[in-house]
Protein backbone atom coordinates (compact mmCIF):
# COMPACT_ATOMS: atom_id res chain seq x y z
CA MET A 1 121.81 142.36 83.15
CA ALA A 2 120.84 142.85 86.83
CA ARG A 3 117.30 143.68 85.79
CA ASN A 4 117.14 140.63 83.55
CA GLY A 5 118.43 138.52 86.42
CA LEU A 6 115.56 139.72 88.59
CA ILE A 7 113.12 138.85 85.83
CA GLY A 8 114.69 135.43 85.50
CA ARG A 9 114.45 134.73 89.23
CA ALA A 10 110.81 135.85 89.24
CA VAL A 11 110.06 133.60 86.29
CA ARG A 12 111.72 130.60 87.91
CA ARG A 13 110.05 131.29 91.24
CA LEU A 14 106.53 131.75 89.84
CA GLY A 15 106.56 129.72 86.64
CA LEU A 16 105.55 126.38 88.16
CA LEU A 17 102.00 127.13 89.23
CA ALA A 18 99.75 124.22 90.02
CA GLY A 19 97.50 125.13 87.11
CA PHE A 20 100.39 124.51 84.76
CA ALA A 21 101.42 121.17 86.22
CA GLY A 22 101.15 118.30 83.80
CA VAL A 23 100.28 120.50 80.81
CA SER A 24 102.14 119.90 77.57
CA LEU A 25 101.45 120.80 74.00
CA VAL A 26 101.37 118.34 71.16
CA SER A 27 104.84 117.58 69.83
CA ALA A 28 103.81 117.54 66.19
CA CYS A 29 101.62 120.48 65.21
CA GLY A 30 100.09 119.91 61.82
CA ALA A 31 97.29 121.56 59.90
CA GLY A 32 94.69 119.66 61.91
CA GLY A 33 92.25 117.91 59.59
CA GLU A 34 88.76 117.07 60.76
CA ALA A 35 88.55 113.36 60.02
CA GLY A 36 88.94 110.99 62.92
CA MET A 37 89.07 113.70 65.58
CA ALA A 38 87.43 112.72 68.84
CA THR A 39 85.17 115.28 70.47
CA PRO A 40 85.08 114.45 74.18
CA ALA A 41 82.49 116.17 76.29
CA GLY A 42 85.08 117.77 78.55
CA PRO A 43 85.06 118.00 82.33
CA GLU A 44 81.87 117.95 84.32
CA PRO A 45 80.69 121.30 85.72
CA GLY A 46 82.59 122.10 88.87
CA GLN A 47 85.70 120.17 87.89
CA PRO A 48 88.85 122.22 87.30
CA ILE A 49 90.08 122.95 83.79
CA GLN A 50 93.84 123.08 83.40
CA ALA A 51 95.10 126.19 81.62
CA ILE A 52 98.52 127.48 80.75
CA GLN A 53 99.41 130.19 83.26
CA VAL A 54 102.87 131.15 82.05
CA ALA A 55 101.81 134.51 80.61
CA ALA A 56 100.67 135.79 83.98
CA THR A 57 103.92 134.79 85.64
CA ALA A 58 106.55 135.01 82.93
CA ARG A 59 106.10 138.31 81.18
CA LEU A 60 109.15 139.70 79.46
CA PRO A 61 108.87 143.45 78.80
CA ALA A 62 109.65 144.44 75.23
CA GLU A 63 112.54 146.61 76.34
CA ALA A 64 114.08 143.66 78.17
CA ALA A 65 113.47 141.20 75.33
CA CYS A 66 114.73 143.16 72.36
CA PRO A 67 118.41 143.81 71.74
CA PRO A 68 119.04 147.21 70.14
CA ALA A 69 118.48 147.57 66.42
CA GLY A 70 121.38 147.98 64.03
CA ARG A 71 123.22 144.74 64.72
CA ASP A 72 123.73 142.00 62.16
CA PHE A 73 121.24 139.15 62.60
CA GLY A 74 123.71 136.69 64.10
CA ARG A 75 124.85 139.12 66.77
CA TRP A 76 121.28 140.21 67.45
CA LEU A 77 120.11 136.60 67.83
CA SER A 78 122.99 135.79 70.17
CA GLU A 79 122.09 138.72 72.40
CA PHE A 80 118.41 137.79 72.35
CA ARG A 81 119.32 134.26 73.41
CA ASP A 82 121.31 135.63 76.35
CA ARG A 83 118.37 137.82 77.42
CA ALA A 84 115.90 134.96 77.13
CA VAL A 85 118.15 132.75 79.26
CA ALA A 86 118.50 135.53 81.84
CA ALA A 87 114.68 135.70 81.91
CA GLY A 88 114.36 132.00 82.70
CA VAL A 89 114.53 130.02 79.44
CA ALA A 90 116.79 126.98 79.72
CA PRO A 91 120.08 127.57 77.86
CA ALA A 92 119.81 124.28 75.97
CA VAL A 93 116.29 125.11 74.80
CA ALA A 94 117.25 128.58 73.62
CA ALA A 95 120.32 127.25 71.83
CA ARG A 96 118.38 124.45 70.12
CA ALA A 97 115.47 126.63 69.05
CA LEU A 98 117.56 129.51 67.71
CA ALA A 99 120.42 127.54 66.14
CA GLY A 100 121.04 128.24 62.48
CA LEU A 101 118.21 130.74 62.07
CA THR A 102 118.28 133.26 59.26
CA PRO A 103 115.76 136.05 58.61
CA ASP A 104 112.80 134.98 56.49
CA PRO A 105 112.66 137.37 53.50
CA GLU A 106 108.98 136.59 52.91
CA VAL A 107 108.13 137.66 56.44
CA VAL A 108 110.10 140.87 55.91
CA ARG A 109 108.27 141.52 52.64
CA ARG A 110 104.82 140.95 54.13
CA ASP A 111 105.57 143.00 57.22
CA ARG A 112 106.74 145.97 55.18
CA HIS A 113 104.10 145.69 52.48
CA GLN A 114 101.34 148.28 52.74
CA PRO A 115 98.44 147.29 50.48
CA GLU A 116 97.52 150.06 48.07
CA PHE A 117 93.87 149.07 48.07
CA THR A 118 91.46 148.36 50.89
CA ARG A 119 88.93 145.63 50.30
CA ALA A 120 85.37 146.87 50.48
CA MET A 121 83.47 145.77 53.57
CA TRP A 122 80.76 144.09 51.49
CA ASP A 123 83.29 142.13 49.44
CA TYR A 124 84.95 140.83 52.60
CA ILE A 125 81.60 139.92 54.17
CA SER A 126 80.43 138.20 50.99
CA THR A 127 83.47 135.91 51.01
CA ALA A 128 83.53 135.40 54.77
CA VAL A 129 79.85 134.44 54.93
CA SER A 130 79.66 132.48 51.68
CA ALA A 131 77.12 129.70 51.13
CA SER A 132 79.94 127.12 51.14
CA ARG A 133 81.32 128.35 54.46
CA VAL A 134 77.84 128.35 55.97
CA ALA A 135 77.21 124.77 54.86
CA ARG A 136 80.54 123.47 56.14
CA GLY A 137 80.07 125.29 59.42
CA ARG A 138 76.67 123.70 59.95
CA ALA A 139 78.18 120.27 59.33
CA LEU A 140 80.92 120.96 61.87
CA LEU A 141 78.40 122.11 64.44
CA THR A 142 76.66 118.78 64.08
CA ARG A 143 79.90 116.79 64.13
CA HIS A 144 81.23 118.49 67.25
CA ARG A 145 77.89 119.08 68.97
CA GLN A 146 78.79 117.19 72.14
CA VAL A 147 81.98 119.06 72.89
CA LEU A 148 80.56 122.40 71.79
CA ASP A 149 77.57 121.99 74.08
CA ALA A 150 79.93 121.20 76.95
CA ILE A 151 82.04 124.27 76.18
CA THR A 152 78.94 126.45 76.02
CA ALA A 153 77.80 125.09 79.39
CA ARG A 154 81.22 125.88 80.85
CA PHE A 155 81.96 129.28 79.28
CA GLY A 156 78.62 130.60 78.05
CA VAL A 157 79.84 131.10 74.47
CA PRO A 158 77.57 129.55 71.78
CA GLY A 159 79.08 126.86 69.59
CA SER A 160 77.95 128.80 66.52
CA VAL A 161 80.23 131.72 67.46
CA ILE A 162 83.20 129.43 68.14
CA VAL A 163 82.76 127.64 64.81
CA ALA A 164 82.38 130.98 63.00
CA ILE A 165 85.76 132.07 64.40
CA PHE A 166 87.21 128.69 63.38
CA GLY A 167 85.92 129.28 59.86
CA LEU A 168 87.27 132.80 59.52
CA GLU A 169 90.64 132.16 61.11
CA THR A 170 91.72 129.02 59.24
CA ASP A 171 88.81 128.07 56.96
CA TYR A 172 87.89 125.32 59.41
CA GLY A 173 91.47 124.12 59.74
CA GLY A 174 92.16 124.08 56.00
CA PHE A 175 94.89 126.70 56.22
CA THR A 176 96.72 127.24 59.49
CA GLY A 177 99.91 128.71 58.02
CA GLY A 178 103.16 127.08 56.94
CA PHE A 179 105.74 129.48 58.38
CA SER A 180 108.20 128.48 61.07
CA LEU A 181 106.88 130.30 64.13
CA VAL A 182 110.31 130.74 65.72
CA ARG A 183 111.90 132.02 62.50
CA SER A 184 108.99 134.38 61.77
CA LEU A 185 109.06 135.89 65.24
CA ALA A 186 112.84 136.22 65.21
CA THR A 187 112.58 138.03 61.88
CA LEU A 188 109.92 140.40 63.22
CA GLY A 189 111.91 141.04 66.38
CA PHE A 190 115.04 141.81 64.38
CA SER A 191 113.63 144.03 61.65
CA GLY A 192 109.86 144.27 61.91
CA ARG A 193 107.73 147.36 62.32
CA ARG A 194 106.75 146.08 65.78
CA ARG A 195 110.03 144.78 67.11
CA GLY A 196 108.80 144.66 70.69
CA PHE A 197 105.90 142.44 69.70
CA GLY A 198 108.18 140.05 67.80
CA CYS A 199 110.64 139.77 70.68
CA VAL A 200 108.02 139.16 73.36
CA GLN A 201 106.23 136.56 71.24
CA LEU A 202 109.53 134.84 70.47
CA PHE A 203 110.24 134.68 74.20
CA HIS A 204 106.83 133.07 74.82
CA ALA A 205 107.40 130.65 71.95
CA LEU A 206 110.64 129.53 73.60
CA ARG A 207 108.78 129.07 76.89
CA LEU A 208 106.19 126.91 75.13
CA ILE A 209 108.93 124.81 73.56
CA GLU A 210 110.62 124.39 76.93
CA ARG A 211 107.51 123.65 78.95
CA ASN A 212 106.19 121.10 76.50
CA ASP A 213 109.33 119.54 75.06
CA LEU A 214 108.41 120.63 71.55
CA ALA A 215 110.56 120.38 68.48
CA PRO A 216 110.95 123.99 67.27
CA SER A 217 110.19 122.87 63.72
CA ALA A 218 106.79 121.63 64.92
CA LEU A 219 105.61 125.15 65.70
CA THR A 220 104.21 126.53 62.46
CA GLY A 221 101.69 129.26 61.75
CA SER A 222 101.13 132.54 59.98
CA TRP A 223 103.93 134.90 59.01
CA ALA A 224 102.75 137.25 61.78
CA GLY A 225 103.09 134.67 64.54
CA ALA A 226 99.63 133.12 64.96
CA THR A 227 99.27 129.36 65.23
CA GLY A 228 96.70 126.59 65.65
CA LEU A 229 93.19 125.84 64.45
CA THR A 230 91.87 129.12 65.80
CA GLN A 231 95.13 131.11 65.52
CA PHE A 232 96.69 132.14 68.82
CA ILE A 233 99.89 134.11 69.22
CA PRO A 234 102.18 132.52 71.85
CA SER A 235 101.36 135.01 74.64
CA SER A 236 97.62 134.58 74.06
CA LEU A 237 97.97 130.81 74.09
CA ALA A 238 99.80 131.12 77.40
CA ARG A 239 97.06 133.35 78.75
CA TYR A 240 93.93 131.61 77.46
CA GLY A 241 94.85 128.03 76.52
CA VAL A 242 92.59 125.33 77.96
CA ASP A 243 93.09 121.55 78.17
CA PHE A 244 89.40 120.80 77.71
CA ASP A 245 89.76 117.15 76.72
CA GLN A 246 91.88 116.67 79.88
CA ASP A 247 94.58 114.61 78.25
CA GLY A 248 97.30 116.55 80.07
CA ARG A 249 98.24 118.88 77.23
CA ILE A 250 96.84 121.91 75.48
CA ASP A 251 96.78 121.00 71.81
CA ILE A 252 95.20 123.73 69.68
CA TRP A 253 96.57 122.11 66.51
CA ARG A 254 94.86 118.72 66.55
CA SER A 255 92.34 118.79 69.41
CA HIS A 256 89.17 120.61 68.42
CA ALA A 257 88.10 120.47 72.07
CA ASP A 258 91.18 122.38 73.23
CA ALA A 259 91.10 124.87 70.34
CA PHE A 260 87.38 125.57 70.78
CA ALA A 261 87.59 125.91 74.57
CA SER A 262 90.64 128.15 74.34
CA THR A 263 88.74 130.38 71.93
CA ALA A 264 85.76 130.50 74.28
CA ASN A 265 88.03 131.33 77.21
CA HIS A 266 89.59 134.17 75.18
CA LEU A 267 86.14 135.63 74.47
CA VAL A 268 85.07 135.37 78.09
CA ARG A 269 88.23 137.10 79.26
CA ALA A 270 87.49 139.83 76.70
CA GLY A 271 84.08 140.43 78.26
CA TRP A 272 81.68 137.93 76.69
CA ARG A 273 78.32 137.80 78.49
CA ALA A 274 76.59 134.41 78.56
CA GLY A 275 73.10 134.43 77.13
CA ALA A 276 73.47 137.75 75.34
CA PRO A 277 73.55 138.08 71.53
CA TRP A 278 76.38 139.79 69.66
CA GLY A 279 73.86 142.10 68.02
CA LEU A 280 71.61 142.20 64.99
CA GLU A 281 70.82 144.25 61.91
CA VAL A 282 68.36 147.05 62.61
CA VAL A 283 66.38 149.72 60.83
CA LEU A 284 67.02 153.22 62.14
CA PRO A 285 64.16 155.73 62.42
CA SER A 286 63.67 158.58 60.01
CA GLY A 287 65.63 161.61 61.14
CA PHE A 288 68.10 159.52 63.14
CA ASP A 289 70.90 161.62 64.62
CA TRP A 290 73.98 160.01 63.10
CA ARG A 291 76.15 161.36 65.87
CA MET A 292 74.58 158.62 67.98
CA ALA A 293 76.22 155.96 65.78
CA ALA A 294 79.52 156.36 67.60
CA PRO A 295 81.50 154.01 69.87
CA ASP A 296 80.84 156.14 72.95
CA GLN A 297 77.07 156.17 72.47
CA THR A 298 76.26 153.02 74.41
CA ARG A 299 72.86 152.93 76.11
CA PRO A 300 70.22 150.38 77.15
CA VAL A 301 68.37 148.61 74.35
CA ALA A 302 65.14 150.03 75.80
CA ASP A 303 66.37 153.53 74.93
CA TRP A 304 67.11 152.53 71.34
CA ALA A 305 63.67 150.95 71.05
CA TRP A 306 62.07 154.13 72.41
CA LEU A 307 63.93 156.10 69.71
CA GLY A 308 62.39 153.86 67.05
CA VAL A 309 65.20 151.40 66.32
CA ARG A 310 63.72 148.07 65.21
CA PRO A 311 64.96 144.73 63.84
CA ALA A 312 65.53 144.56 60.09
CA ALA A 313 64.83 140.85 59.58
CA ASP A 314 61.44 139.21 59.85
CA GLY A 315 60.88 137.51 63.17
CA ALA A 316 63.96 138.99 64.81
CA ARG A 317 63.79 140.62 68.22
CA LEU A 318 65.85 143.31 69.85
CA PRO A 319 68.11 142.14 72.69
CA PRO A 320 66.75 142.36 76.27
CA PRO A 321 65.79 145.95 77.11
CA ASP A 322 68.30 146.40 79.93
CA LEU A 323 71.27 145.20 77.86
CA ALA A 324 73.80 147.87 76.85
CA ALA A 325 74.21 148.35 73.10
CA ARG A 326 75.38 150.83 70.50
CA VAL A 327 74.71 151.46 66.81
CA GLU A 328 77.35 150.43 64.29
CA VAL A 329 77.16 151.66 60.67
CA PRO A 330 80.28 150.12 59.09
CA ALA A 331 79.49 151.41 55.58
CA GLY A 332 78.01 154.75 56.55
CA HIS A 333 74.44 155.99 56.53
CA ARG A 334 73.74 154.47 53.11
CA GLY A 335 74.51 150.94 54.26
CA PRO A 336 73.10 148.48 56.80
CA ALA A 337 73.03 149.39 60.50
CA PHE A 338 73.61 147.06 63.43
CA LEU A 339 72.82 147.25 67.11
CA VAL A 340 75.79 145.60 68.82
CA THR A 341 76.40 144.56 72.43
CA ASP A 342 79.44 143.99 74.60
CA ASN A 343 79.75 140.56 72.97
CA PHE A 344 80.58 142.29 69.70
CA GLN A 345 83.36 144.05 71.59
CA ALA A 346 84.56 140.68 72.90
CA ILE A 347 84.89 139.44 69.31
CA LEU A 348 86.89 142.59 68.54
CA GLY A 349 89.15 141.53 71.41
CA TYR A 350 89.92 138.39 69.42
CA ASN A 351 90.57 140.26 66.18
CA ASN A 352 90.29 144.05 66.29
CA ALA A 353 88.62 144.67 62.94
CA THR A 354 84.98 145.70 62.57
CA SER A 355 84.64 143.69 59.37
CA TYR A 356 85.91 140.57 61.17
CA ALA A 357 83.64 140.93 64.19
CA LEU A 358 80.66 141.59 61.95
CA ALA A 359 81.48 138.54 59.81
CA VAL A 360 81.70 136.33 62.91
CA GLY A 361 78.30 137.53 64.07
CA LEU A 362 76.63 137.18 60.69
CA LEU A 363 78.18 133.78 60.00
CA SER A 364 77.11 132.44 63.39
CA ASP A 365 73.57 133.65 62.68
CA ARG A 366 73.54 131.94 59.28
CA PHE A 367 74.24 128.60 60.92
CA GLY A 368 70.66 128.75 62.19
CA GLY A 369 69.18 127.81 65.51
CA ALA A 370 66.94 129.51 68.02
CA GLY A 371 66.88 133.26 67.69
CA SER A 372 68.47 133.40 64.24
CA PRO A 373 66.87 135.99 61.94
CA ARG A 374 64.75 134.78 59.05
CA LEU A 375 66.13 136.14 55.81
CA GLY A 376 64.27 136.49 52.55
CA ALA A 377 65.59 135.52 49.14
CA SER A 378 66.59 139.13 48.55
CA ALA A 379 69.15 139.18 51.38
CA HIS A 380 72.40 140.89 50.44
CA ALA A 381 76.07 140.02 51.06
CA GLY A 382 76.46 138.29 54.42
CA GLY A 383 72.72 137.88 54.82
CA VAL A 384 71.86 141.51 55.55
CA VAL A 385 68.53 143.09 54.64
CA ARG A 386 69.60 146.59 53.65
CA PRO A 387 71.85 146.67 50.57
CA TRP A 388 75.48 147.68 50.85
CA PRO A 389 76.55 150.89 49.06
CA THR A 390 78.49 148.99 46.42
CA ASP A 391 78.91 152.11 44.28
CA GLU A 392 81.29 153.49 46.92
CA ARG A 393 84.96 153.04 46.06
CA PRO A 394 87.24 152.09 48.97
CA LEU A 395 89.99 154.64 49.49
CA LYS A 396 93.52 153.72 48.51
CA ARG A 397 96.15 154.04 51.21
CA ALA A 398 97.50 157.26 49.65
CA GLU A 399 93.97 158.67 49.76
CA ARG A 400 93.51 157.68 53.39
CA LEU A 401 96.73 159.50 54.22
CA LEU A 402 95.51 162.52 52.28
CA LEU A 403 92.18 162.46 54.11
CA GLN A 404 93.99 162.45 57.47
CA ARG A 405 96.29 165.30 56.41
CA ARG A 406 93.35 167.39 55.26
CA LEU A 407 91.46 166.81 58.50
CA ASP A 408 94.57 167.68 60.46
CA ALA A 409 95.06 170.87 58.43
CA LEU A 410 91.53 171.92 59.37
CA GLY A 411 92.24 171.36 63.06
CA TYR A 412 90.52 167.99 63.53
CA ALA A 413 92.47 165.58 65.74
CA VAL A 414 93.08 162.39 63.76
CA GLY A 415 95.88 160.92 65.85
CA ALA A 416 98.76 159.46 63.88
CA ILE A 417 98.71 160.17 60.14
CA ASP A 418 99.28 156.57 59.16
CA GLY A 419 96.61 155.73 56.59
CA ILE A 420 94.63 153.71 59.15
CA ILE A 421 91.05 154.84 59.62
CA GLY A 422 90.85 154.07 63.31
CA ARG A 423 88.65 155.37 66.09
CA ARG A 424 90.24 158.82 66.32
CA THR A 425 90.13 159.40 62.58
CA ARG A 426 86.49 158.30 62.43
CA ALA A 427 85.69 160.68 65.28
CA ALA A 428 87.38 163.50 63.36
CA VAL A 429 85.42 162.59 60.23
CA ARG A 430 82.20 162.59 62.23
CA THR A 431 82.93 166.02 63.69
CA PHE A 432 83.76 167.47 60.27
CA GLN A 433 80.60 165.98 58.77
CA ASP A 434 78.52 167.48 61.55
CA ASP A 435 80.17 170.88 61.12
CA VAL A 436 79.39 171.04 57.39
CA GLY A 437 75.88 169.60 57.60
CA LEU A 438 76.57 166.06 56.33
CA PRO A 439 75.23 162.88 58.02
CA ALA A 440 77.78 162.40 60.82
CA ASP A 441 78.28 158.66 60.27
CA GLY A 442 82.11 158.69 60.47
CA PHE A 443 82.44 156.93 57.11
CA ALA A 444 85.55 157.91 55.17
CA SER A 445 84.33 157.94 51.57
CA SER A 446 85.78 159.26 48.33
CA SER A 447 83.11 161.97 48.23
CA LEU A 448 84.16 163.07 51.73
CA LEU A 449 87.77 163.30 50.57
CA THR A 450 86.65 165.60 47.75
CA ARG A 451 84.66 167.73 50.19
CA LEU A 452 87.71 167.99 52.43
CA GLY A 453 89.75 169.10 49.43
CA SER A 454 87.37 171.97 48.85
CA ALA A 455 87.39 172.91 52.53
CA THR A 456 91.16 173.04 52.67
CA SER A 457 91.35 175.09 49.46
CA GLY A 458 93.78 172.85 47.65
CA THR A 459 95.80 171.55 50.60
CA PRO A 460 98.13 168.96 49.04
């Protein structure tokens, strides 16, 4: 308790920064329709933008936030309330927000559910960058042009990228999630696979309620704790939220200006470079060394051009020659290739999935505008030139686990054997492919799993 008392005193001492003064969130957070929403231009260049600063000054370590597992929910919640109060949350706020809570069985089910099938990259891209989504995004770009132009001038993030994220996160505000944020986070903190995450986010949710005099029932979102038009978890909202319309509150539920600017701020803090593209589809030269299509193979665009990398779409140009970029082949050597910059990495900072970042980039390109590639009628899913390898079957989770076990048995370091084909597993795949004379593209395919089976001589 002494440690928690120190945290609480630090929170109370530092929590009232000038940047937070006067900021409050909307008291009724709905789905946020588009009709009738004003799009103010935002502050003039040089004027300050208010932003929530509580995350930088009111962090609650997971070990301090989470009571030990094994308690019944009522006892666990009571102890969490005591810890939150010790860390600076007003007792009345904690009591009001947590009163009468019970675990949400649907949150438990979704958290524990491991999908048996993985959706193919091309199927995801096809849905994410559909003709309907492109058309609605273009209309929104026109409708909110004034505020988006002001946000671009302030942060350097194009409006097309912001609207693409808006489209992918909530289908342009059509589905922002109907779960009680407080109940979901309490459930995850009590019994989730990432208890520390649930506890810390619940703490930040309580701080948001306290700072902004919110009704706990007004905070709704996804089962996993994201909320608003562009889906922020509470700690990210605290870290990146922006009151761009300068009405004295950060409202990412009903104010497109605030939601868009907060998204832009998130990207900038993740490394977005103003004036640089996210990347583009490219054609790789004959005899390309596939070991160069790896995350650690970043080099100036001029080097890639010298190697023979060229744009795939008519009229497209490579990024500036001194810009750092790497080659991404999300579906292996048989699929399309992309030359991606640090801005692609910034999108990954918003949602760490290659398919998501690629969909944001492709969707923003499809909105049109200067520099957008010209696509022929034969363009494939997502508006790419090279066809996707649609004959490839995505591995089931059990097969991904088997692939990791077989790589591990052969001495290739895959990291955790968890069925997730992350960076370390892809690196292990790439090394194995190189060792046996296959294109070292890091793509975990069903044919590779069979080859691994032969190499391990029947390893189960």
